[in-house]
């Protein structure tokens, strides 16, 4: 198996594909799962329950800079606001 480049809570980015995310875990099958994943090209959040990153593709991702981390944090706030389910009364 390929040596994992990222670990839980790492902020990662594919600058060419304009995808940013926060790693949740790496499973036994070699797939990274995300807490949040955002694609700038289509300005949308990916469904973290169905979108994964195969470890073979980690070579296309880097760690985010401090400025990019701030952007991801702002996106995470937006993501949480958009996915918040209203309480049933």
PDB file of N, CA and C in Angstrom:
ATOM      1  N   UNK A   1       0.847  -1.197   0.000  1.00  0.00           N
ATOM      2  CA  UNK A   1       0.000   0.000   0.000  1.00  0.00           C
ATOM      3  C   UNK A   1       0.882   1.246   0.000  1.00  0.00           C
ATOM      4  N   UNK A   2       0.413   2.281  -0.597  1.00  0.00           N
ATOM      5  CA  UNK A   2       1.113   3.560  -0.658  1.00  0.00           C
ATOM      6  C   UNK A   2       1.120   4.195   0.724  1.00  0.00           C
ATOM      7  N   UNK A   3       2.227   4.832   1.073  1.00  0.00           N
ATOM      8  CA  UNK A   3       2.335   5.524   2.363  1.00  0.00           C
ATOM      9  C   UNK A   3       1.390   6.733   2.373  1.00  0.00           C
ATOM     10  N   UNK A   4       0.522   6.841   3.378  1.00  0.00           N
ATOM     11  CA  UNK A   4      -0.401   7.973   3.444  1.00  0.00           C
ATOM     12  C   UNK A   4       0.344   9.299   3.614  1.00  0.00           C
ATOM     13  N   UNK A   5      -0.074  10.280   2.862  1.00  0.00           N
ATOM     14  CA  UNK A   5       0.513  11.619   2.922  1.00  0.00           C
ATOM     15  C   UNK A   5      -0.231  12.495   3.933  1.00  0.00           C
ATOM     16  N   UNK A   6      -1.525  12.248   4.093  1.00  0.00           N
ATOM     17  CA  UNK A   6      -2.370  13.084   4.939  1.00  0.00           C
ATOM     18  C   UNK A   6      -2.921  12.291   6.117  1.00  0.00           C
ATOM     19  N   UNK A   7      -3.273  13.029   7.158  1.00  0.00           N
ATOM     20  CA  UNK A   7      -3.895  12.404   8.323  1.00  0.00           C
ATOM     21  C   UNK A   7      -5.135  13.203   8.718  1.00  0.00           C
ATOM     22  N   UNK A   8      -5.826  12.723   9.730  1.00  0.00           N
ATOM     23  CA  UNK A   8      -7.060  13.359  10.182  1.00  0.00           C
ATOM     24  C   UNK A   8      -6.833  14.844  10.469  1.00  0.00           C
ATOM     25  N   UNK A   9      -7.779  15.654  10.041  1.00  0.00           N
ATOM     26  CA  UNK A   9      -7.813  17.105  10.248  1.00  0.00           C
ATOM     27  C   UNK A   9      -6.812  17.885   9.394  1.00  0.00           C
ATOM     28  N   UNK A  10      -6.159  17.243   8.446  1.00  0.00           N
ATOM     29  CA  UNK A  10      -5.291  17.978   7.520  1.00  0.00           C
ATOM     30  C   UNK A  10      -6.146  18.720   6.501  1.00  0.00           C
ATOM     31  N   UNK A  11      -5.746  19.941   6.212  1.00  0.00           N
ATOM     32  CA  UNK A  11      -6.393  20.744   5.183  1.00  0.00           C
ATOM     33  C   UNK A  11      -5.616  20.503   3.900  1.00  0.00           C
ATOM     34  N   UNK A  12      -6.323  20.037   2.866  1.00  0.00           N
ATOM     35  CA  UNK A  12      -5.634  19.705   1.620  1.00  0.00           C
ATOM     36  C   UNK A  12      -6.263  20.445   0.449  1.00  0.00           C
ATOM     37  N   UNK A  13      -5.469  20.578  -0.621  1.00  0.00           N
ATOM     38  CA  UNK A  13      -5.938  21.308  -1.798  1.00  0.00           C
ATOM     39  C   UNK A  13      -5.329  20.719  -3.057  1.00  0.00           C
ATOM     40  N   UNK A  14      -6.121  20.703  -4.099  1.00  0.00           N
ATOM     41  CA  UNK A  14      -5.642  20.421  -5.444  1.00  0.00           C
ATOM     42  C   UNK A  14      -5.751  21.753  -6.166  1.00  0.00           C
ATOM     43  N   UNK A  15      -4.630  22.433  -6.305  1.00  0.00           N
ATOM     44  CA  UNK A  15      -4.642  23.789  -6.871  1.00  0.00           C
ATOM     45  C   UNK A  15      -5.039  23.797  -8.344  1.00  0.00           C
ATOM     46  N   UNK A  16      -4.665  22.776  -9.075  1.00  0.00           N
ATOM     47  CA  UNK A  16      -5.014  22.716 -10.495  1.00  0.00           C
ATOM     48  C   UNK A  16      -6.512  22.463 -10.687  1.00  0.00           C
ATOM     49  N   UNK A  17      -7.063  21.531  -9.901  1.00  0.00           N
ATOM     50  CA  UNK A  17      -8.479  21.201  -9.997  1.00  0.00           C
ATOM     51  C   UNK A  17      -9.368  22.069  -9.135  1.00  0.00           C
ATOM     52  N   UNK A  18      -8.750  22.901  -8.287  1.00  0.00           N
ATOM     53  CA  UNK A  18      -9.459  23.830  -7.407  1.00  0.00           C
ATOM     54  C   UNK A  18     -10.441  23.115  -6.482  1.00  0.00           C
ATOM     55  N   UNK A  19      -9.925  22.085  -5.821  1.00  0.00           N
ATOM     56  CA  UNK A  19     -10.702  21.338  -4.840  1.00  0.00           C
ATOM     57  C   UNK A  19      -9.998  21.456  -3.499  1.00  0.00           C
ATOM     58  N   UNK A  20     -10.768  21.760  -2.442  1.00  0.00           N
ATOM     59  CA  UNK A  20     -10.225  21.886  -1.095  1.00  0.00           C
ATOM     60  C   UNK A  20     -11.031  21.004  -0.161  1.00  0.00           C
ATOM     61  N   UNK A  21     -10.373  20.493   0.882  1.00  0.00           N
ATOM     62  CA  UNK A  21     -11.098  19.673   1.827  1.00  0.00           C
ATOM     63  C   UNK A  21     -10.366  19.505   3.138  1.00  0.00           C
ATOM     64  N   UNK A  22     -11.078  18.928   4.095  1.00  0.00           N
ATOM     65  CA  UNK A  22     -10.515  18.590   5.389  1.00  0.00           C
ATOM     66  C   UNK A  22     -10.654  17.078   5.548  1.00  0.00           C
ATOM     67  N   UNK A  23      -9.532  16.417   5.777  1.00  0.00           N
ATOM     68  CA  UNK A  23      -9.513  14.959   5.877  1.00  0.00           C
ATOM     69  C   UNK A  23     -10.164  14.511   7.180  1.00  0.00           C
ATOM     70  N   UNK A  24     -11.030  13.519   7.061  1.00  0.00           N
ATOM     71  CA  UNK A  24     -11.666  12.923   8.228  1.00  0.00           C
ATOM     72  C   UNK A  24     -10.924  11.659   8.642  1.00  0.00           C
ATOM     73  N   UNK A  25     -10.643  10.793   7.653  1.00  0.00           N
ATOM     74  CA  UNK A  25      -9.934   9.545   7.956  1.00  0.00           C
ATOM     75  C   UNK A  25      -9.465   8.889   6.664  1.00  0.00           C
ATOM     76  N   UNK A  26      -8.602   7.903   6.811  1.00  0.00           N
ATOM     77  CA  UNK A  26      -8.194   7.024   5.726  1.00  0.00           C
ATOM     78  C   UNK A  26      -8.682   5.636   6.102  1.00  0.00           C
ATOM     79  N   UNK A  27      -9.526   5.049   5.251  1.00  0.00           N
ATOM     80  CA  UNK A  27     -10.071   3.736   5.605  1.00  0.00           C
ATOM     81  C   UNK A  27      -9.129   2.607   5.199  1.00  0.00           C
ATOM     82  N   UNK A  28      -9.509   1.381   5.550  1.00  0.00           N
ATOM     83  CA  UNK A  28      -8.681   0.200   5.292  1.00  0.00           C
ATOM     84  C   UNK A  28      -8.536  -0.118   3.807  1.00  0.00           C
ATOM     85  N   UNK A  29      -9.430   0.400   2.992  1.00  0.00           N
ATOM     86  CA  UNK A  29      -9.384   0.140   1.553  1.00  0.00           C
ATOM     87  C   UNK A  29      -8.537   1.160   0.796  1.00  0.00           C
ATOM     88  N   UNK A  30      -8.017   2.177   1.514  1.00  0.00           N
ATOM     89  CA  UNK A  30      -7.161   3.167   0.871  1.00  0.00           C
ATOM     90  C   UNK A  30      -7.907   4.368   0.330  1.00  0.00           C
ATOM     91  N   UNK A  31      -9.004   4.737   0.962  1.00  0.00           N
ATOM     92  CA  UNK A  31      -9.772   5.904   0.562  1.00  0.00           C
ATOM     93  C   UNK A  31      -9.788   6.939   1.683  1.00  0.00           C
ATOM     94  N   UNK A  32      -9.478   8.189   1.314  1.00  0.00           N
ATOM     95  CA  UNK A  32      -9.615   9.290   2.257  1.00  0.00           C
ATOM     96  C   UNK A  32     -11.079   9.703   2.303  1.00  0.00           C
ATOM     97  N   UNK A  33     -11.583   9.947   3.486  1.00  0.00           N
ATOM     98  CA  UNK A  33     -12.923  10.483   3.694  1.00  0.00           C
ATOM     99  C   UNK A  33     -12.757  11.914   4.172  1.00  0.00           C
ATOM    100  N   UNK A  34     -13.765  12.739   3.934  1.00  0.00           N
ATOM    101  CA  UNK A  34     -13.665  14.158   4.254  1.00  0.00           C
ATOM    102  C   UNK A  34     -14.700  14.609   5.272  1.00  0.00           C
ATOM    103  N   UNK A  35     -14.326  15.631   6.036  1.00  0.00           N
ATOM    104  CA  UNK A  35     -15.290  16.341   6.882  1.00  0.00           C
ATOM    105  C   UNK A  35     -16.028  17.340   6.019  1.00  0.00           C
ATOM    106  N   UNK A  36     -15.292  17.912   5.060  1.00  0.00           N
ATOM    107  CA  UNK A  36     -15.847  18.896   4.134  1.00  0.00           C
ATOM    108  C   UNK A  36     -14.993  18.862   2.881  1.00  0.00           C
ATOM    109  N   UNK A  37     -15.637  18.939   1.723  1.00  0.00           N
ATOM    110  CA  UNK A  37     -14.921  18.985   0.452  1.00  0.00           C
ATOM    111  C   UNK A  37     -15.651  19.967  -0.464  1.00  0.00           C
ATOM    112  N   UNK A  38     -14.887  20.884  -1.055  1.00  0.00           N
ATOM    113  CA  UNK A  38     -15.469  21.960  -1.854  1.00  0.00           C
ATOM    114  C   UNK A  38     -14.748  22.047  -3.194  1.00  0.00           C
ATOM    115  N   UNK A  39     -15.522  22.166  -4.256  1.00  0.00           N
ATOM    116  CA  UNK A  39     -14.967  22.337  -5.595  1.00  0.00           C
ATOM    117  C   UNK A  39     -15.264  23.736  -6.106  1.00  0.00           C
ATOM    118  N   UNK A  40     -14.228  24.504  -6.344  1.00  0.00           N
ATOM    119  CA  UNK A  40     -14.415  25.891  -6.774  1.00  0.00           C
ATOM    120  C   UNK A  40     -14.915  25.995  -8.215  1.00  0.00           C
ATOM    121  N   UNK A  41     -14.545  25.031  -9.052  1.00  0.00           N
ATOM    122  CA  UNK A  41     -14.938  25.085 -10.461  1.00  0.00           C
ATOM    123  C   UNK A  41     -16.455  25.189 -10.602  1.00  0.00           C
ATOM    124  N   UNK A  42     -17.177  24.365  -9.838  1.00  0.00           N
ATOM    125  CA  UNK A  42     -18.640  24.376  -9.904  1.00  0.00           C
ATOM    126  C   UNK A  42     -19.262  25.078  -8.704  1.00  0.00           C
ATOM    127  N   UNK A  43     -18.414  25.654  -7.857  1.00  0.00           N
ATOM    128  CA  UNK A  43     -18.857  26.358  -6.645  1.00  0.00           C
ATOM    129  C   UNK A  43     -19.882  25.524  -5.888  1.00  0.00           C
ATOM    130  N   UNK A  44     -19.444  24.296  -5.524  1.00  0.00           N
ATOM    131  CA  UNK A  44     -20.365  23.420  -4.797  1.00  0.00           C
ATOM    132  C   UNK A  44     -19.610  22.590  -3.771  1.00  0.00           C
ATOM    133  N   UNK A  45     -20.350  22.184  -2.752  1.00  0.00           N
ATOM    134  CA  UNK A  45     -19.840  21.275  -1.747  1.00  0.00           C
ATOM    135  C   UNK A  45     -20.157  19.857  -2.199  1.00  0.00           C
ATOM    136  N   UNK A  46     -19.197  18.979  -2.030  1.00  0.00           N
ATOM    137  CA  UNK A  46     -19.414  17.585  -2.386  1.00  0.00           C
ATOM    138  C   UNK A  46     -20.060  16.861  -1.211  1.00  0.00           C
ATOM    139  N   UNK A  47     -20.850  15.859  -1.511  1.00  0.00           N
ATOM    140  CA  UNK A  47     -21.491  15.044  -0.481  1.00  0.00           C
ATOM    141  C   UNK A  47     -20.409  14.175   0.156  1.00  0.00           C
ATOM    142  N   UNK A  48     -20.041  14.474   1.388  1.00  0.00           N
ATOM    143  CA  UNK A  48     -18.950  13.764   2.048  1.00  0.00           C
ATOM    144  C   UNK A  48     -19.292  12.305   2.363  1.00  0.00           C
ATOM    145  N   UNK A  49     -20.558  11.944   2.220  1.00  0.00           N
ATOM    146  CA  UNK A  49     -20.949  10.552   2.430  1.00  0.00           C
ATOM    147  C   UNK A  49     -20.674   9.703   1.195  1.00  0.00           C
ATOM    148  N   UNK A  50     -20.538  10.336   0.040  1.00  0.00           N
ATOM    149  CA  UNK A  50     -20.333   9.582  -1.196  1.00  0.00           C
ATOM    150  C   UNK A  50     -19.046   9.950  -1.940  1.00  0.00           C
ATOM    151  N   UNK A  51     -18.397  11.028  -1.584  1.00  0.00           N
ATOM    152  CA  UNK A  51     -17.171  11.452  -2.270  1.00  0.00           C
ATOM    153  C   UNK A  51     -15.949  11.070  -1.445  1.00  0.00           C
ATOM    154  N   UNK A  52     -15.025  10.378  -2.084  1.00  0.00           N
ATOM    155  CA  UNK A  52     -13.801   9.935  -1.427  1.00  0.00           C
ATOM    156  C   UNK A  52     -12.618  10.259  -2.327  1.00  0.00           C
ATOM    157  N   UNK A  53     -11.436  10.199  -1.755  1.00  0.00           N
ATOM    158  CA  UNK A  53     -10.209  10.393  -2.528  1.00  0.00           C
ATOM    159  C   UNK A  53      -9.385   9.129  -2.397  1.00  0.00           C
ATOM    160  N   UNK A  54      -9.177   8.453  -3.517  1.00  0.00           N
ATOM    161  CA  UNK A  54      -8.368   7.247  -3.506  1.00  0.00           C
ATOM    162  C   UNK A  54      -6.923   7.632  -3.206  1.00  0.00           C
ATOM    163  N   UNK A  55      -6.255   6.861  -2.370  1.00  0.00           N
ATOM    164  CA  UNK A  55      -4.904   7.199  -1.932  1.00  0.00           C
ATOM    165  C   UNK A  55      -3.946   7.378  -3.111  1.00  0.00           C
ATOM    166  N   UNK A  56      -4.178   6.690  -4.226  1.00  0.00           N
ATOM    167  CA  UNK A  56      -3.326   6.835  -5.411  1.00  0.00           C
ATOM    168  C   UNK A  56      -3.337   8.264  -5.941  1.00  0.00           C
ATOM    169  N   UNK A  57      -4.401   9.004  -5.678  1.00  0.00           N
ATOM    170  CA  UNK A  57      -4.539  10.361  -6.197  1.00  0.00           C
ATOM    171  C   UNK A  57      -4.051  11.428  -5.217  1.00  0.00           C
ATOM    172  N   UNK A  58      -3.510  11.017  -4.067  1.00  0.00           N
ATOM    173  CA  UNK A  58      -3.022  11.992  -3.105  1.00  0.00           C
ATOM    174  C   UNK A  58      -1.869  12.810  -3.663  1.00  0.00           C
ATOM    175  N   UNK A  59      -1.189  12.281  -4.692  1.00  0.00           N
ATOM    176  CA  UNK A  59      -0.054  12.993  -5.292  1.00  0.00           C
ATOM    177  C   UNK A  59      -0.491  14.291  -5.966  1.00  0.00           C
ATOM    178  N   UNK A  60      -1.772  14.440  -6.246  1.00  0.00           N
ATOM    179  CA  UNK A  60      -2.284  15.660  -6.869  1.00  0.00           C
ATOM    180  C   UNK A  60      -2.711  16.706  -5.844  1.00  0.00           C
ATOM    181  N   UNK A  61      -2.607  16.369  -4.571  1.00  0.00           N
ATOM    182  CA  UNK A  61      -3.023  17.264  -3.488  1.00  0.00           C
ATOM    183  C   UNK A  61      -1.820  17.692  -2.659  1.00  0.00           C
ATOM    184  N   UNK A  62      -1.912  18.889  -2.103  1.00  0.00           N
ATOM    185  CA  UNK A  62      -0.895  19.435  -1.206  1.00  0.00           C
ATOM    186  C   UNK A  62      -1.575  19.897   0.071  1.00  0.00           C
ATOM    187  N   UNK A  63      -0.760  20.244   1.057  1.00  0.00           N
ATOM    188  CA  UNK A  63      -1.281  20.855   2.273  1.00  0.00           C
ATOM    189  C   UNK A  63      -1.631  22.310   1.964  1.00  0.00           C
ATOM    190  N   UNK A  64      -2.684  22.804   2.568  1.00  0.00           N
ATOM    191  CA  UNK A  64      -3.094  24.194   2.383  1.00  0.00           C
ATOM    192  C   UNK A  64      -2.125  25.142   3.098  1.00  0.00           C
ATOM    193  N   UNK A  65      -1.957  26.315   2.520  1.00  0.00           N
ATOM    194  CA  UNK A  65      -1.216  27.378   3.184  1.00  0.00           C
ATOM    195  C   UNK A  65      -2.116  27.970   4.268  1.00  0.00           C
ATOM    196  N   UNK A  66      -1.563  28.845   5.109  1.00  0.00           N
ATOM    197  CA  UNK A  66      -2.376  29.479   6.156  1.00  0.00           C
ATOM    198  C   UNK A  66      -3.539  30.266   5.557  1.00  0.00           C
ATOM    199  N   UNK A  67      -3.292  30.957   4.465  1.00  0.00           N
ATOM    200  CA  UNK A  67      -4.347  31.738   3.807  1.00  0.00           C
ATOM    201  C   UNK A  67      -5.436  30.816   3.252  1.00  0.00           C
ATOM    202  N   UNK A  68      -5.016  29.717   2.655  1.00  0.00           N
ATOM    203  CA  UNK A  68      -5.984  28.751   2.120  1.00  0.00           C
ATOM    204  C   UNK A  68      -6.774  28.093   3.253  1.00  0.00           C
ATOM    205  N   UNK A  69      -6.128  27.861   4.390  1.00  0.00           N
ATOM    206  CA  UNK A  69      -6.839  27.294   5.553  1.00  0.00           C
ATOM    207  C   UNK A  69      -7.949  28.228   6.011  1.00  0.00           C
ATOM    208  N   UNK A  70      -7.678  29.537   5.996  1.00  0.00           N
ATOM    209  CA  UNK A  70      -8.707  30.513   6.371  1.00  0.00           C
ATOM    210  C   UNK A  70      -9.891  30.418   5.415  1.00  0.00           C
ATOM    211  N   UNK A  71      -9.587  30.279   4.133  1.00  0.00           N
ATOM    212  CA  UNK A  71     -10.642  30.147   3.125  1.00  0.00           C
ATOM    213  C   UNK A  71     -11.456  28.883   3.375  1.00  0.00           C
ATOM    214  N   UNK A  72     -10.771  27.784   3.670  1.00  0.00           N
ATOM    215  CA  UNK A  72     -11.469  26.524   3.944  1.00  0.00           C
ATOM    216  C   UNK A  72     -12.341  26.662   5.193  1.00  0.00           C
ATOM    217  N   UNK A  73     -11.837  27.329   6.227  1.00  0.00           N
ATOM    218  CA  UNK A  73     -12.629  27.535   7.446  1.00  0.00           C
ATOM    219  C   UNK A  73     -13.902  28.330   7.158  1.00  0.00           C
ATOM    220  N   UNK A  74     -13.781  29.360   6.305  1.00  0.00           N
ATOM    221  CA  UNK A  74     -14.962  30.145   5.917  1.00  0.00           C
ATOM    222  C   UNK A  74     -15.941  29.278   5.132  1.00  0.00           C
ATOM    223  N   UNK A  75     -15.405  28.452   4.232  1.00  0.00           N
ATOM    224  CA  UNK A  75     -16.256  27.541   3.468  1.00  0.00           C
ATOM    225  C   UNK A  75     -16.923  26.518   4.380  1.00  0.00           C
ATOM    226  N   UNK A  76     -16.197  26.061   5.402  1.00  0.00           N
ATOM    227  CA  UNK A  76     -16.760  25.097   6.334  1.00  0.00           C
ATOM    228  C   UNK A  76     -17.937  25.699   7.092  1.00  0.00           C
ATOM    229  N   UNK A  77     -17.829  26.951   7.482  1.00  0.00           N
ATOM    230  CA  UNK A  77     -18.951  27.629   8.145  1.00  0.00           C
ATOM    231  C   UNK A  77     -20.157  27.673   7.221  1.00  0.00           C
ATOM    232  N   UNK A  78     -19.906  27.999   5.944  1.00  0.00           N
ATOM    233  CA  UNK A  78     -20.988  28.052   4.956  1.00  0.00           C
ATOM    234  C   UNK A  78     -21.592  26.666   4.754  1.00  0.00           C
ATOM    235  N   UNK A  79     -20.741  25.669   4.682  1.00  0.00           N
ATOM    236  CA  UNK A  79     -21.186  24.292   4.492  1.00  0.00           C
ATOM    237  C   UNK A  79     -22.086  23.847   5.642  1.00  0.00           C
ATOM    238  N   UNK A  80     -21.656  24.132   6.870  1.00  0.00           N
ATOM    239  CA  UNK A  80     -22.459  23.759   8.040  1.00  0.00           C
ATOM    240  C   UNK A  80     -23.795  24.475   8.044  1.00  0.00           C
ATOM    241  N   UNK A  81     -23.802  25.743   7.638  1.00  0.00           N
ATOM    242  CA  UNK A  81     -25.053  26.508   7.595  1.00  0.00           C
ATOM    243  C   UNK A  81     -26.004  25.936   6.541  1.00  0.00           C
ATOM    244  N   UNK A  82     -25.438  25.525   5.394  1.00  0.00           N
ATOM    245  CA  UNK A  82     -26.268  24.998   4.309  1.00  0.00           C
ATOM    246  C   UNK A  82     -26.784  23.596   4.602  1.00  0.00           C
ATOM    247  N   UNK A  83     -26.056  22.819   5.381  1.00  0.00           N
ATOM    248  CA  UNK A  83     -26.460  21.429   5.630  1.00  0.00           C
ATOM    249  C   UNK A  83     -27.156  21.259   6.963  1.00  0.00           C
ATOM    250  N   UNK A  84     -27.320  22.328   7.687  1.00  0.00           N
ATOM    251  CA  UNK A  84     -27.993  22.259   8.999  1.00  0.00           C
ATOM    252  C   UNK A  84     -29.449  21.869   8.786  1.00  0.00           C
ATOM    253  N   UNK A  85     -29.870  20.851   9.498  1.00  0.00           N
ATOM    254  CA  UNK A  85     -31.266  20.431   9.378  1.00  0.00           C
ATOM    255  C   UNK A  85     -32.083  21.116  10.460  1.00  0.00           C
ATOM    256  N   UNK A  86     -33.221  21.639  10.071  1.00  0.00           N
ATOM    257  CA  UNK A  86     -34.059  22.326  11.068  1.00  0.00           C
ATOM    258  C   UNK A  86     -34.612  21.329  12.081  1.00  0.00           C
ATOM    259  N   UNK A  87     -34.763  21.782  13.307  1.00  0.00           N
ATOM    260  CA  UNK A  87     -35.314  20.936  14.360  1.00  0.00           C
ATOM    261  C   UNK A  87     -36.812  20.754  14.146  1.00  0.00           C
ATOM    262  N   UNK A  88     -37.263  19.536  14.385  1.00  0.00           N
ATOM    263  CA  UNK A  88     -38.698  19.252  14.287  1.00  0.00           C
ATOM    264  C   UNK A  88     -39.374  19.700  15.559  1.00  0.00           C
ATOM    265  N   UNK A  89     -40.513  20.319  15.390  1.00  0.00           N
ATOM    266  CA  UNK A  89     -41.255  20.809  16.558  1.00  0.00           C
ATOM    267  C   UNK A  89     -42.382  19.889  16.910  1.00  0.00           C
TER     268      UNK A  89
END
